N, C-alpha and C. Protein backbone atom coordinates (compact mmCIF):
# COMPACT_ATOMS: atom_id res chain seq x y z
N MET A 1 -54.91 82.86 6.29
CA MET A 1 -55.59 81.65 6.71
C MET A 1 -57.09 81.87 6.58
N GLN A 2 -57.81 80.92 5.96
CA GLN A 2 -59.24 81.04 5.78
C GLN A 2 -59.96 80.92 7.11
N SER A 3 -61.22 81.37 7.14
CA SER A 3 -62.00 81.34 8.38
C SER A 3 -62.11 79.93 8.95
N SER A 4 -62.42 78.95 8.09
CA SER A 4 -62.55 77.57 8.59
C SER A 4 -61.21 77.06 9.09
N SER A 5 -60.12 77.48 8.47
CA SER A 5 -58.79 77.10 8.93
C SER A 5 -58.50 77.73 10.29
N LYS A 6 -58.92 78.99 10.46
CA LYS A 6 -58.73 79.65 11.76
C LYS A 6 -59.55 78.95 12.83
N ASP A 7 -60.79 78.56 12.49
CA ASP A 7 -61.63 77.84 13.44
C ASP A 7 -61.00 76.50 13.80
N SER A 8 -60.46 75.81 12.80
CA SER A 8 -59.82 74.52 13.05
C SER A 8 -58.57 74.68 13.90
N LEU A 9 -57.80 75.72 13.62
CA LEU A 9 -56.61 75.98 14.44
C LEU A 9 -57.02 76.28 15.88
N ALA A 10 -58.08 77.04 16.06
CA ALA A 10 -58.57 77.34 17.41
C ALA A 10 -59.00 76.06 18.12
N THR A 11 -59.65 75.16 17.40
CA THR A 11 -60.05 73.86 17.97
C THR A 11 -58.81 73.07 18.36
N ALA A 12 -57.82 73.05 17.49
CA ALA A 12 -56.57 72.32 17.76
C ALA A 12 -55.87 72.91 18.99
N GLN A 13 -55.82 74.23 19.07
CA GLN A 13 -55.19 74.88 20.22
C GLN A 13 -55.94 74.54 21.51
N ALA A 14 -57.26 74.54 21.45
CA ALA A 14 -58.06 74.22 22.64
C ALA A 14 -57.83 72.77 23.07
N ARG A 15 -57.82 71.85 22.12
CA ARG A 15 -57.58 70.44 22.45
C ARG A 15 -56.20 70.24 23.05
N TYR A 16 -55.21 70.88 22.45
CA TYR A 16 -53.84 70.72 22.93
C TYR A 16 -53.67 71.35 24.31
N THR A 17 -54.25 72.52 24.50
CA THR A 17 -54.19 73.21 25.79
C THR A 17 -54.82 72.35 26.88
N GLU A 18 -55.98 71.76 26.58
CA GLU A 18 -56.66 70.89 27.55
C GLU A 18 -55.81 69.65 27.85
N PHE A 19 -55.21 69.08 26.83
CA PHE A 19 -54.33 67.92 27.02
C PHE A 19 -53.17 68.27 27.95
N LEU A 20 -52.54 69.41 27.71
CA LEU A 20 -51.41 69.83 28.54
C LEU A 20 -51.85 70.05 29.98
N LYS A 21 -52.98 70.70 30.19
CA LYS A 21 -53.49 70.92 31.55
C LYS A 21 -53.75 69.60 32.26
N ARG A 22 -54.43 68.67 31.55
CA ARG A 22 -54.74 67.35 32.13
C ARG A 22 -53.49 66.61 32.56
N ASN A 23 -52.42 66.82 31.82
CA ASN A 23 -51.17 66.11 32.09
C ASN A 23 -50.16 66.97 32.85
N LYS A 24 -50.66 68.08 33.42
CA LYS A 24 -49.85 68.97 34.25
C LYS A 24 -48.57 69.44 33.56
N MET A 25 -48.74 69.84 32.30
CA MET A 25 -47.64 70.39 31.51
C MET A 25 -47.95 71.85 31.21
N PHE A 26 -46.91 72.59 30.92
CA PHE A 26 -47.08 74.01 30.64
C PHE A 26 -47.28 74.27 29.15
N LEU A 27 -48.12 75.26 28.88
CA LEU A 27 -48.31 75.73 27.52
C LEU A 27 -47.21 76.76 27.25
N THR A 28 -46.28 76.42 26.38
CA THR A 28 -45.15 77.31 26.11
C THR A 28 -45.30 77.92 24.72
N LYS A 29 -44.57 79.00 24.49
CA LYS A 29 -44.56 79.64 23.17
C LYS A 29 -44.05 78.66 22.11
N GLU A 30 -43.03 77.88 22.49
CA GLU A 30 -42.44 76.92 21.55
C GLU A 30 -43.48 75.87 21.14
N ARG A 31 -44.24 75.35 22.11
CA ARG A 31 -45.26 74.35 21.79
C ARG A 31 -46.33 74.94 20.88
N MET A 32 -46.78 76.14 21.16
CA MET A 32 -47.80 76.77 20.32
C MET A 32 -47.27 77.08 18.93
N ALA A 33 -46.03 77.52 18.85
CA ALA A 33 -45.42 77.80 17.54
C ALA A 33 -45.33 76.50 16.72
N LEU A 34 -44.95 75.40 17.37
CA LEU A 34 -44.88 74.11 16.69
C LEU A 34 -46.27 73.67 16.23
N LEU A 35 -47.27 73.81 17.09
CA LEU A 35 -48.63 73.44 16.72
C LEU A 35 -49.07 74.23 15.49
N GLU A 36 -48.88 75.53 15.50
CA GLU A 36 -49.29 76.36 14.37
C GLU A 36 -48.54 75.96 13.10
N PHE A 37 -47.24 75.68 13.22
CA PHE A 37 -46.44 75.28 12.08
C PHE A 37 -46.90 73.93 11.53
N ILE A 38 -47.11 72.98 12.41
CA ILE A 38 -47.56 71.64 12.01
C ILE A 38 -48.93 71.72 11.37
N PHE A 39 -49.78 72.58 11.90
CA PHE A 39 -51.14 72.70 11.41
C PHE A 39 -51.20 73.19 9.97
N LEU A 40 -50.18 73.91 9.53
CA LEU A 40 -50.15 74.43 8.16
C LEU A 40 -49.77 73.37 7.13
N GLN A 41 -49.32 72.20 7.58
CA GLN A 41 -48.89 71.14 6.65
C GLN A 41 -50.11 70.55 5.94
N LYS A 42 -49.89 70.13 4.72
CA LYS A 42 -50.97 69.54 3.92
C LYS A 42 -50.75 68.04 3.78
N GLY A 43 -51.83 67.30 3.81
CA GLY A 43 -51.76 65.87 3.58
C GLY A 43 -50.99 65.14 4.67
N HIS A 44 -50.29 64.07 4.27
CA HIS A 44 -49.50 63.27 5.20
C HIS A 44 -48.08 63.80 5.23
N PHE A 45 -47.48 63.81 6.41
CA PHE A 45 -46.12 64.31 6.55
C PHE A 45 -45.40 63.52 7.64
N SER A 46 -44.08 63.49 7.54
CA SER A 46 -43.27 62.79 8.54
C SER A 46 -42.59 63.82 9.44
N ALA A 47 -42.06 63.34 10.56
CA ALA A 47 -41.33 64.23 11.47
C ALA A 47 -40.12 64.84 10.75
N ASP A 48 -39.43 64.04 9.94
CA ASP A 48 -38.27 64.56 9.22
C ASP A 48 -38.66 65.64 8.22
N GLU A 49 -39.80 65.48 7.57
CA GLU A 49 -40.27 66.53 6.65
C GLU A 49 -40.57 67.82 7.40
N ILE A 50 -41.17 67.69 8.59
CA ILE A 50 -41.45 68.88 9.41
C ILE A 50 -40.13 69.52 9.85
N LEU A 51 -39.20 68.69 10.28
CA LEU A 51 -37.90 69.20 10.73
C LEU A 51 -37.20 69.95 9.60
N PHE A 52 -37.24 69.40 8.40
CA PHE A 52 -36.64 70.06 7.24
C PHE A 52 -37.31 71.41 6.98
N GLU A 53 -38.65 71.44 7.02
CA GLU A 53 -39.37 72.69 6.80
C GLU A 53 -39.08 73.71 7.89
N MET A 54 -38.94 73.23 9.13
CA MET A 54 -38.60 74.13 10.24
C MET A 54 -37.24 74.77 10.00
N GLN A 55 -36.27 73.97 9.60
CA GLN A 55 -34.93 74.49 9.34
C GLN A 55 -34.95 75.46 8.16
N ARG A 56 -35.73 75.11 7.14
CA ARG A 56 -35.82 75.95 5.94
C ARG A 56 -36.43 77.31 6.25
N THR A 57 -37.42 77.33 7.15
CA THR A 57 -38.12 78.58 7.45
C THR A 57 -37.59 79.30 8.68
N GLY A 58 -36.66 78.66 9.41
CA GLY A 58 -36.05 79.31 10.56
C GLY A 58 -36.77 79.10 11.88
N LEU A 59 -37.76 78.23 11.93
CA LEU A 59 -38.43 77.93 13.19
C LEU A 59 -37.49 77.10 14.05
N LYS A 60 -37.25 77.55 15.27
CA LYS A 60 -36.30 76.88 16.16
C LYS A 60 -37.00 75.97 17.15
N ALA A 61 -36.65 74.70 17.11
CA ALA A 61 -37.09 73.71 18.10
C ALA A 61 -36.22 72.47 17.88
N SER A 62 -35.91 71.79 18.95
CA SER A 62 -35.06 70.61 18.83
C SER A 62 -35.84 69.44 18.25
N ARG A 63 -35.11 68.46 17.75
CA ARG A 63 -35.72 67.24 17.22
C ARG A 63 -36.53 66.56 18.32
N ALA A 64 -35.97 66.51 19.54
CA ALA A 64 -36.66 65.87 20.67
C ALA A 64 -37.99 66.58 20.97
N THR A 65 -37.97 67.90 20.95
CA THR A 65 -39.20 68.67 21.21
C THR A 65 -40.23 68.41 20.12
N LEU A 66 -39.77 68.33 18.87
CA LEU A 66 -40.69 68.06 17.77
C LEU A 66 -41.34 66.68 17.95
N TYR A 67 -40.54 65.66 18.20
CA TYR A 67 -41.08 64.32 18.37
C TYR A 67 -42.04 64.23 19.56
N ARG A 68 -41.68 64.87 20.65
CA ARG A 68 -42.54 64.89 21.84
C ARG A 68 -43.87 65.60 21.52
N THR A 69 -43.78 66.71 20.82
CA THR A 69 -44.98 67.47 20.48
C THR A 69 -45.88 66.68 19.53
N LEU A 70 -45.30 66.02 18.54
CA LEU A 70 -46.10 65.19 17.63
C LEU A 70 -46.86 64.12 18.41
N SER A 71 -46.16 63.47 19.33
CA SER A 71 -46.79 62.43 20.15
C SER A 71 -47.93 63.01 20.99
N GLN A 72 -47.70 64.17 21.58
CA GLN A 72 -48.73 64.82 22.39
C GLN A 72 -49.94 65.20 21.54
N LEU A 73 -49.70 65.68 20.33
CA LEU A 73 -50.80 66.09 19.45
C LEU A 73 -51.63 64.89 19.00
N VAL A 74 -51.00 63.73 18.89
CA VAL A 74 -51.76 62.51 18.59
C VAL A 74 -52.64 62.17 19.79
N GLU A 75 -52.07 62.19 20.98
CA GLU A 75 -52.84 61.89 22.20
C GLU A 75 -53.97 62.89 22.41
N ALA A 76 -53.76 64.13 21.99
CA ALA A 76 -54.77 65.18 22.16
C ALA A 76 -55.83 65.15 21.05
N ASN A 77 -55.73 64.18 20.14
CA ASN A 77 -56.66 64.05 19.01
C ASN A 77 -56.64 65.25 18.07
N VAL A 78 -55.45 65.78 17.86
CA VAL A 78 -55.24 66.83 16.88
C VAL A 78 -54.63 66.22 15.61
N LEU A 79 -53.75 65.25 15.79
CA LEU A 79 -53.10 64.55 14.68
C LEU A 79 -53.46 63.07 14.72
N ALA A 80 -53.43 62.45 13.55
CA ALA A 80 -53.52 61.00 13.44
C ALA A 80 -52.17 60.52 12.93
N GLU A 81 -51.77 59.33 13.36
CA GLU A 81 -50.50 58.79 12.88
C GLU A 81 -50.75 57.48 12.15
N SER A 82 -49.93 57.22 11.14
CA SER A 82 -50.04 56.01 10.33
C SER A 82 -48.65 55.53 9.97
N ASP A 83 -48.54 54.21 9.77
CA ASP A 83 -47.30 53.61 9.29
C ASP A 83 -47.60 53.00 7.93
N PHE A 84 -47.07 53.60 6.88
CA PHE A 84 -47.32 53.14 5.53
C PHE A 84 -46.23 52.19 5.03
N GLY A 85 -45.40 51.72 5.96
CA GLY A 85 -44.36 50.79 5.58
C GLY A 85 -43.15 51.45 4.94
N HIS A 86 -42.99 52.74 5.15
CA HIS A 86 -41.86 53.48 4.57
C HIS A 86 -40.72 53.66 5.56
N GLY A 87 -40.82 53.02 6.72
CA GLY A 87 -39.77 53.11 7.71
C GLY A 87 -39.90 54.26 8.68
N HIS A 88 -40.99 55.00 8.61
CA HIS A 88 -41.23 56.10 9.55
C HIS A 88 -42.73 56.36 9.66
N THR A 89 -43.10 57.05 10.69
CA THR A 89 -44.50 57.39 10.93
C THR A 89 -44.90 58.60 10.11
N HIS A 90 -46.11 58.56 9.58
CA HIS A 90 -46.70 59.71 8.90
C HIS A 90 -47.80 60.27 9.78
N TYR A 91 -48.01 61.57 9.68
CA TYR A 91 -49.03 62.25 10.47
C TYR A 91 -49.94 63.01 9.51
N GLU A 92 -51.14 63.30 10.00
CA GLU A 92 -52.05 64.19 9.29
C GLU A 92 -52.95 64.86 10.31
N VAL A 93 -53.35 66.10 10.01
CA VAL A 93 -54.26 66.82 10.90
C VAL A 93 -55.59 66.09 10.89
N GLU A 94 -56.15 65.89 12.08
CA GLU A 94 -57.39 65.13 12.20
C GLU A 94 -58.35 65.88 13.12
N LEU A 95 -59.03 66.84 12.56
CA LEU A 95 -60.02 67.60 13.33
C LEU A 95 -61.34 67.54 12.59
N GLY A 96 -62.22 66.69 13.06
CA GLY A 96 -63.53 66.60 12.43
C GLY A 96 -63.50 65.97 11.05
N THR A 97 -62.39 65.33 10.70
CA THR A 97 -62.35 64.68 9.40
C THR A 97 -63.13 63.39 9.47
N ARG A 98 -63.71 63.03 8.38
CA ARG A 98 -64.48 61.79 8.30
C ARG A 98 -63.52 60.62 8.39
N PRO A 99 -63.88 59.57 9.12
CA PRO A 99 -63.01 58.39 9.16
C PRO A 99 -62.73 57.89 7.75
N HIS A 100 -61.50 57.51 7.51
CA HIS A 100 -61.12 57.06 6.18
C HIS A 100 -60.09 55.95 6.28
N MET A 101 -59.93 55.26 5.17
CA MET A 101 -58.92 54.21 5.07
C MET A 101 -57.80 54.72 4.17
N HIS A 102 -56.63 54.16 4.39
CA HIS A 102 -55.50 54.46 3.52
C HIS A 102 -55.23 53.25 2.64
N LEU A 103 -55.24 53.44 1.34
CA LEU A 103 -54.83 52.41 0.41
C LEU A 103 -53.36 52.66 0.11
N VAL A 104 -52.52 51.70 0.47
CA VAL A 104 -51.08 51.87 0.37
C VAL A 104 -50.52 50.88 -0.65
N PRO A 105 -50.24 51.35 -1.88
CA PRO A 105 -49.68 50.45 -2.89
C PRO A 105 -48.25 50.05 -2.52
N LEU A 106 -47.93 48.79 -2.74
CA LEU A 106 -46.59 48.29 -2.44
C LEU A 106 -45.59 48.63 -3.55
N ASP A 107 -46.10 49.08 -4.70
CA ASP A 107 -45.22 49.37 -5.83
C ASP A 107 -45.03 50.87 -6.09
N SER A 108 -45.48 51.72 -5.14
CA SER A 108 -45.27 53.17 -5.28
C SER A 108 -45.39 53.84 -3.92
N ASP A 109 -45.07 55.13 -3.86
CA ASP A 109 -45.17 55.89 -2.62
C ASP A 109 -46.52 56.59 -2.48
N GLU A 110 -47.39 56.43 -3.47
CA GLU A 110 -48.70 57.06 -3.43
C GLU A 110 -49.53 56.43 -2.32
N VAL A 111 -50.24 57.26 -1.57
CA VAL A 111 -51.19 56.77 -0.56
C VAL A 111 -52.51 57.46 -0.87
N ARG A 112 -53.56 56.69 -0.98
CA ARG A 112 -54.86 57.23 -1.31
C ARG A 112 -55.80 57.07 -0.13
N GLU A 113 -56.59 58.09 0.14
CA GLU A 113 -57.60 58.03 1.19
C GLU A 113 -58.95 57.74 0.56
N VAL A 114 -59.68 56.79 1.15
CA VAL A 114 -61.03 56.47 0.69
C VAL A 114 -61.94 56.38 1.90
N THR A 115 -63.21 56.64 1.68
CA THR A 115 -64.20 56.56 2.75
C THR A 115 -65.26 55.52 2.40
N SER A 116 -65.94 55.03 3.41
CA SER A 116 -67.01 54.06 3.21
C SER A 116 -68.04 54.20 4.32
N ALA A 117 -69.21 54.69 3.97
CA ALA A 117 -70.28 54.81 4.96
C ALA A 117 -70.67 53.42 5.49
N LYS A 118 -70.63 52.42 4.62
CA LYS A 118 -70.98 51.05 5.04
C LYS A 118 -69.97 50.54 6.08
N LEU A 119 -68.69 50.77 5.84
CA LEU A 119 -67.67 50.32 6.78
C LEU A 119 -67.77 51.09 8.10
N GLU A 120 -67.99 52.40 8.02
CA GLU A 120 -68.17 53.20 9.23
C GLU A 120 -69.32 52.66 10.07
N ALA A 121 -70.45 52.34 9.41
CA ALA A 121 -71.62 51.83 10.12
C ALA A 121 -71.31 50.46 10.74
N ALA A 122 -70.60 49.61 9.99
CA ALA A 122 -70.26 48.28 10.52
C ALA A 122 -69.34 48.38 11.73
N ILE A 123 -68.36 49.27 11.66
CA ILE A 123 -67.44 49.46 12.79
C ILE A 123 -68.21 50.01 13.99
N SER A 124 -69.06 50.98 13.75
CA SER A 124 -69.85 51.57 14.82
C SER A 124 -70.74 50.52 15.48
N GLU A 125 -71.39 49.67 14.67
CA GLU A 125 -72.24 48.61 15.21
C GLU A 125 -71.42 47.61 16.03
N LEU A 126 -70.26 47.23 15.52
CA LEU A 126 -69.40 46.29 16.23
C LEU A 126 -68.94 46.86 17.57
N LEU A 127 -68.52 48.11 17.57
CA LEU A 127 -68.06 48.75 18.81
C LEU A 127 -69.19 48.84 19.83
N LYS A 128 -70.38 49.19 19.36
CA LYS A 128 -71.54 49.27 20.26
C LYS A 128 -71.84 47.90 20.84
N LYS A 129 -71.83 46.88 20.00
CA LYS A 129 -72.10 45.51 20.44
C LYS A 129 -71.09 45.05 21.49
N GLU A 130 -69.84 45.45 21.32
CA GLU A 130 -68.77 45.05 22.24
C GLU A 130 -68.68 45.96 23.46
N GLY A 131 -69.46 47.06 23.46
CA GLY A 131 -69.40 47.99 24.58
C GLY A 131 -68.04 48.68 24.66
N PHE A 132 -67.52 49.04 23.51
CA PHE A 132 -66.18 49.61 23.43
C PHE A 132 -66.26 51.05 22.97
N ALA A 133 -65.72 51.98 23.79
CA ALA A 133 -65.69 53.39 23.43
C ALA A 133 -64.38 53.68 22.71
N VAL A 134 -64.47 53.96 21.44
CA VAL A 134 -63.27 54.17 20.62
C VAL A 134 -62.71 55.58 20.84
N LYS A 135 -61.40 55.67 20.91
CA LYS A 135 -60.73 56.97 20.99
C LYS A 135 -60.27 57.37 19.59
N ARG A 136 -59.71 56.42 18.87
CA ARG A 136 -59.31 56.65 17.48
C ARG A 136 -59.04 55.29 16.85
N TYR A 137 -59.12 55.25 15.53
CA TYR A 137 -58.75 54.03 14.83
C TYR A 137 -58.12 54.39 13.50
N ASN A 138 -57.43 53.41 12.94
CA ASN A 138 -56.68 53.65 11.72
C ASN A 138 -56.75 52.38 10.87
N ILE A 139 -57.22 52.51 9.64
CA ILE A 139 -57.29 51.36 8.75
C ILE A 139 -56.38 51.62 7.55
N GLN A 140 -55.47 50.68 7.35
CA GLN A 140 -54.54 50.77 6.22
C GLN A 140 -54.62 49.46 5.46
N ILE A 141 -54.74 49.55 4.17
CA ILE A 141 -54.82 48.37 3.33
C ILE A 141 -53.66 48.41 2.35
N PHE A 142 -52.83 47.36 2.40
CA PHE A 142 -51.64 47.30 1.56
C PHE A 142 -51.90 46.38 0.37
N GLY A 143 -51.46 46.78 -0.79
CA GLY A 143 -51.64 45.98 -2.01
C GLY A 143 -51.17 46.78 -3.21
N ASN A 144 -51.78 46.54 -4.35
CA ASN A 144 -51.46 47.29 -5.57
C ASN A 144 -52.73 47.57 -6.34
N PHE A 145 -52.76 48.69 -7.03
CA PHE A 145 -53.89 49.01 -7.89
C PHE A 145 -53.80 48.11 -9.12
N THR A 146 -54.94 47.60 -9.54
CA THR A 146 -54.95 46.66 -10.66
C THR A 146 -55.17 47.34 -11.99
N GLY A 147 -55.58 48.59 -11.97
CA GLY A 147 -55.85 49.30 -13.21
C GLY A 147 -57.28 49.12 -13.69
N LYS A 148 -58.05 48.29 -13.00
CA LYS A 148 -59.43 48.03 -13.41
C LYS A 148 -60.40 49.08 -12.89
N LYS A 149 -59.98 49.85 -11.91
CA LYS A 149 -60.85 50.84 -11.26
C LYS A 149 -60.28 52.23 -11.49
N ASP A 150 -61.17 53.21 -11.60
CA ASP A 150 -60.75 54.60 -11.66
C ASP A 150 -59.89 54.89 -10.45
N ARG A 151 -58.72 55.48 -10.62
CA ARG A 151 -57.77 55.65 -9.53
C ARG A 151 -58.05 56.88 -8.67
N ARG A 152 -59.11 57.60 -8.92
CA ARG A 152 -59.43 58.74 -8.06
C ARG A 152 -60.00 58.25 -6.75
N SER A 153 -59.79 59.03 -5.69
CA SER A 153 -60.33 58.68 -4.38
C SER A 153 -61.83 58.88 -4.40
N THR A 154 -62.56 57.80 -4.19
CA THR A 154 -64.02 57.88 -4.22
C THR A 154 -64.60 57.13 -3.03
N PRO A 155 -65.76 57.58 -2.53
CA PRO A 155 -66.42 56.85 -1.45
C PRO A 155 -66.84 55.46 -1.93
N ILE A 156 -66.75 54.51 -1.03
CA ILE A 156 -67.15 53.13 -1.35
C ILE A 156 -68.62 52.95 -1.03
């Protein structure tokens, strides 16, 4: 694991530990093992994909424990969750990542992440104007790529 990955894992562990303490829950070996396993995932992943990888690698935890842990990690601001219209929730590690939008084509399973400094500024201004302290937000845009634009993920 690279140094920045170790630092990020330490941040995730600290956030999760604080969440558990605040909610009067115990930090168990199983929870930490799940956190470390989940943290190694790349990109977007579903609970079923994690469960399959756990079974493939021999990590033992029940489906209920996995789902509970995923939910807790979202509340602890370690994971972000999204619904791309595929019939299940997708997760991604969210530690210091720049806010981004998901472009979700209706004609494929590809999901692209894009960023926009202008949109971030507009959202920040709106929230300030409304006196609203944001905990997290998620922007998903459904449609299809027209072929007129370079399909690489680029800042707007």
